[in-house]
Amino acid sequence: MNGELIAPMTYEETMTSDFFEAWFQKFLLPTLNTSSVIIMDNARFHRMGKLELLCEEFRRKLLPLPPYSPEYNPIEKTWALLSCSCFN
């Protein structure tokens, strides 16, 4: 929020749905304003049904991205430019 990190976490194992949901509920949701909108990609560990229920409980809004949406992910544009310059 306002360019600062909120609820940062260092995790060095494979991310699981259970771990992510626990962090989401215990650390992320309580730090956000009621008017916050959470934009979420489609990582396998993002079980949208469960996350939507948690957001409702905390009166937050969850906005899942479409299944394939590289236009909303800045790193995708960088990789596309790098790929073009390397292969042309």
C-alpha atoms as a PDB file:
ATOM      1  CA  MET A   1       0.000   0.000   0.000  1.00  0.00           C
ATOM      2  CA  ASN A   2       1.402   3.364  -1.008  1.00  0.00           C
ATOM      3  CA  GLY A   3       4.512   1.649  -2.333  1.00  0.00           C
ATOM      4  CA  GLU A   4       5.367  -0.191   0.873  1.00  0.00           C
ATOM      5  CA  LEU A   5       5.449  -3.908   1.561  1.00  0.00           C
ATOM      6  CA  ILE A   6       2.717  -5.286   3.774  1.00  0.00           C
ATOM      7  CA  ALA A   7       2.691  -8.717   5.402  1.00  0.00           C
ATOM      8  CA  PRO A   8       6.042  -9.793   3.868  1.00  0.00           C
ATOM      9  CA  MET A   9       7.045 -13.415   4.238  1.00  0.00           C
ATOM     10  CA  THR A  10      10.129 -15.463   3.432  1.00  0.00           C
ATOM     11  CA  TYR A  11       9.342 -19.072   2.637  1.00  0.00           C
ATOM     12  CA  GLU A  12      11.885 -21.432   1.120  1.00  0.00           C
ATOM     13  CA  GLU A  13       9.796 -24.549   0.575  1.00  0.00           C
ATOM     14  CA  THR A  14       7.228 -25.476  -2.082  1.00  0.00           C
ATOM     15  CA  MET A  15       4.154 -23.302  -1.595  1.00  0.00           C
ATOM     16  CA  THR A  16       0.986 -25.168  -0.651  1.00  0.00           C
ATOM     17  CA  SER A  17      -2.631 -24.030  -0.602  1.00  0.00           C
ATOM     18  CA  ASP A  18      -2.908 -24.605   3.144  1.00  0.00           C
ATOM     19  CA  PHE A  19       0.188 -22.540   3.936  1.00  0.00           C
ATOM     20  CA  PHE A  20      -0.818 -19.724   1.584  1.00  0.00           C
ATOM     21  CA  GLU A  21      -4.361 -19.583   2.975  1.00  0.00           C
ATOM     22  CA  ALA A  22      -3.052 -19.439   6.558  1.00  0.00           C
ATOM     23  CA  TRP A  23      -0.742 -16.516   5.660  1.00  0.00           C
ATOM     24  CA  PHE A  24      -3.533 -14.828   3.684  1.00  0.00           C
ATOM     25  CA  GLN A  25      -5.945 -15.075   6.635  1.00  0.00           C
ATOM     26  CA  LYS A  26      -3.564 -14.347   9.525  1.00  0.00           C
ATOM     27  CA  PHE A  27      -1.232 -11.766   8.005  1.00  0.00           C
ATOM     28  CA  LEU A  28      -2.489 -10.202   4.766  1.00  0.00           C
ATOM     29  CA  LEU A  29      -6.216  -9.665   5.288  1.00  0.00           C
ATOM     30  CA  PRO A  30      -5.941  -7.986   8.719  1.00  0.00           C
ATOM     31  CA  THR A  31      -3.452  -5.404   7.357  1.00  0.00           C
ATOM     32  CA  LEU A  32      -5.678  -4.190   4.504  1.00  0.00           C
ATOM     33  CA  ASN A  33      -8.269  -1.427   4.545  1.00  0.00           C
ATOM     34  CA  THR A  34     -11.895  -2.504   4.182  1.00  0.00           C
ATOM     35  CA  SER A  35     -11.971  -0.837   0.761  1.00  0.00           C
ATOM     36  CA  SER A  36      -8.983  -2.867  -0.495  1.00  0.00           C
ATOM     37  CA  VAL A  37      -9.174  -4.970  -3.648  1.00  0.00           C
ATOM     38  CA  ILE A  38      -6.848  -7.976  -3.854  1.00  0.00           C
ATOM     39  CA  ILE A  39      -5.831  -8.919  -7.400  1.00  0.00           C
ATOM     40  CA  MET A  40      -4.805 -12.559  -7.562  1.00  0.00           C
ATOM     41  CA  ASP A  41      -3.207 -14.587 -10.335  1.00  0.00           C
ATOM     42  CA  ASN A  42      -4.045 -18.222 -11.000  1.00  0.00           C
ATOM     43  CA  ALA A  43      -1.221 -19.996  -9.196  1.00  0.00           C
ATOM     44  CA  ARG A  44      -2.160 -23.573  -8.325  1.00  0.00           C
ATOM     45  CA  PHE A  45      -2.084 -22.857  -4.601  1.00  0.00           C
ATOM     46  CA  HIS A  46      -4.650 -20.026  -4.963  1.00  0.00           C
ATOM     47  CA  ARG A  47      -7.890 -21.899  -4.273  1.00  0.00           C
ATOM     48  CA  MET A  48     -10.234 -19.077  -5.261  1.00  0.00           C
ATOM     49  CA  GLY A  49     -13.304 -20.488  -3.513  1.00  0.00           C
ATOM     50  CA  LYS A  50     -11.570 -20.571  -0.132  1.00  0.00           C
ATOM     51  CA  LEU A  51      -9.895 -17.181  -0.669  1.00  0.00           C
ATOM     52  CA  GLU A  52     -13.214 -15.589  -1.662  1.00  0.00           C
ATOM     53  CA  LEU A  53     -14.797 -16.869   1.563  1.00  0.00           C
ATOM     54  CA  LEU A  54     -11.940 -15.435   3.619  1.00  0.00           C
ATOM     55  CA  CYS A  55     -12.271 -12.093   1.826  1.00  0.00           C
ATOM     56  CA  GLU A  56     -16.006 -11.991   2.525  1.00  0.00           C
ATOM     57  CA  GLU A  57     -15.329 -12.718   6.192  1.00  0.00           C
ATOM     58  CA  PHE A  58     -12.891  -9.766   6.359  1.00  0.00           C
ATOM     59  CA  ARG A  59     -15.038  -7.566   4.084  1.00  0.00           C
ATOM     60  CA  ARG A  60     -12.385  -7.355   1.365  1.00  0.00           C
ATOM     61  CA  LYS A  61     -12.778  -7.738  -2.409  1.00  0.00           C
ATOM     62  CA  LEU A  62     -10.947 -10.455  -4.362  1.00  0.00           C
ATOM     63  CA  LEU A  63     -10.456  -9.964  -8.095  1.00  0.00           C
ATOM     64  CA  PRO A  64      -9.001 -13.050  -9.805  1.00  0.00           C
ATOM     65  CA  LEU A  65      -7.179 -12.479 -13.082  1.00  0.00           C
ATOM     66  CA  PRO A  66      -8.376 -14.311 -16.214  1.00  0.00           C
ATOM     67  CA  PRO A  67      -6.761 -17.767 -16.660  1.00  0.00           C
ATOM     68  CA  TYR A  68      -4.057 -16.547 -19.051  1.00  0.00           C
ATOM     69  CA  SER A  69      -3.393 -12.830 -18.730  1.00  0.00           C
ATOM     70  CA  PRO A  70       0.231 -11.919 -19.531  1.00  0.00           C
ATOM     71  CA  GLU A  71      -0.849  -8.350 -20.338  1.00  0.00           C
ATOM     72  CA  TYR A  72      -1.438  -7.807 -16.600  1.00  0.00           C
ATOM     73  CA  ASN A  73       1.929  -9.215 -15.556  1.00  0.00           C
ATOM     74  CA  PRO A  74       4.839  -6.777 -16.170  1.00  0.00           C
ATOM     75  CA  ILE A  75       7.474  -9.523 -16.177  1.00  0.00           C
ATOM     76  CA  GLU A  76       5.772 -11.154 -19.189  1.00  0.00           C
ATOM     77  CA  LYS A  77       6.440  -8.030 -21.288  1.00  0.00           C
ATOM     78  CA  THR A  78      10.073  -8.027 -20.195  1.00  0.00           C
ATOM     79  CA  TRP A  79      10.500 -11.700 -21.136  1.00  0.00           C
ATOM     80  CA  ALA A  80       8.832 -11.050 -24.509  1.00  0.00           C
ATOM     81  CA  LEU A  81      11.266  -8.205 -25.288  1.00  0.00           C
ATOM     82  CA  LEU A  82      14.244 -10.248 -24.136  1.00  0.00           C
ATOM     83  CA  SER A  83      13.105 -13.228 -26.183  1.00  0.00           C
ATOM     84  CA  CYS A  84      12.713 -11.088 -29.308  1.00  0.00           C
ATOM     85  CA  SER A  85      16.156  -9.554 -28.954  1.00  0.00           C
ATOM     86  CA  CYS A  86      17.795 -12.938 -28.352  1.00  0.00           C
ATOM     87  CA  PHE A  87      16.161 -14.804 -31.215  1.00  0.00           C
ATOM     88  CA  ASN A  88      16.190 -12.092 -33.898  1.00  0.00           C
END
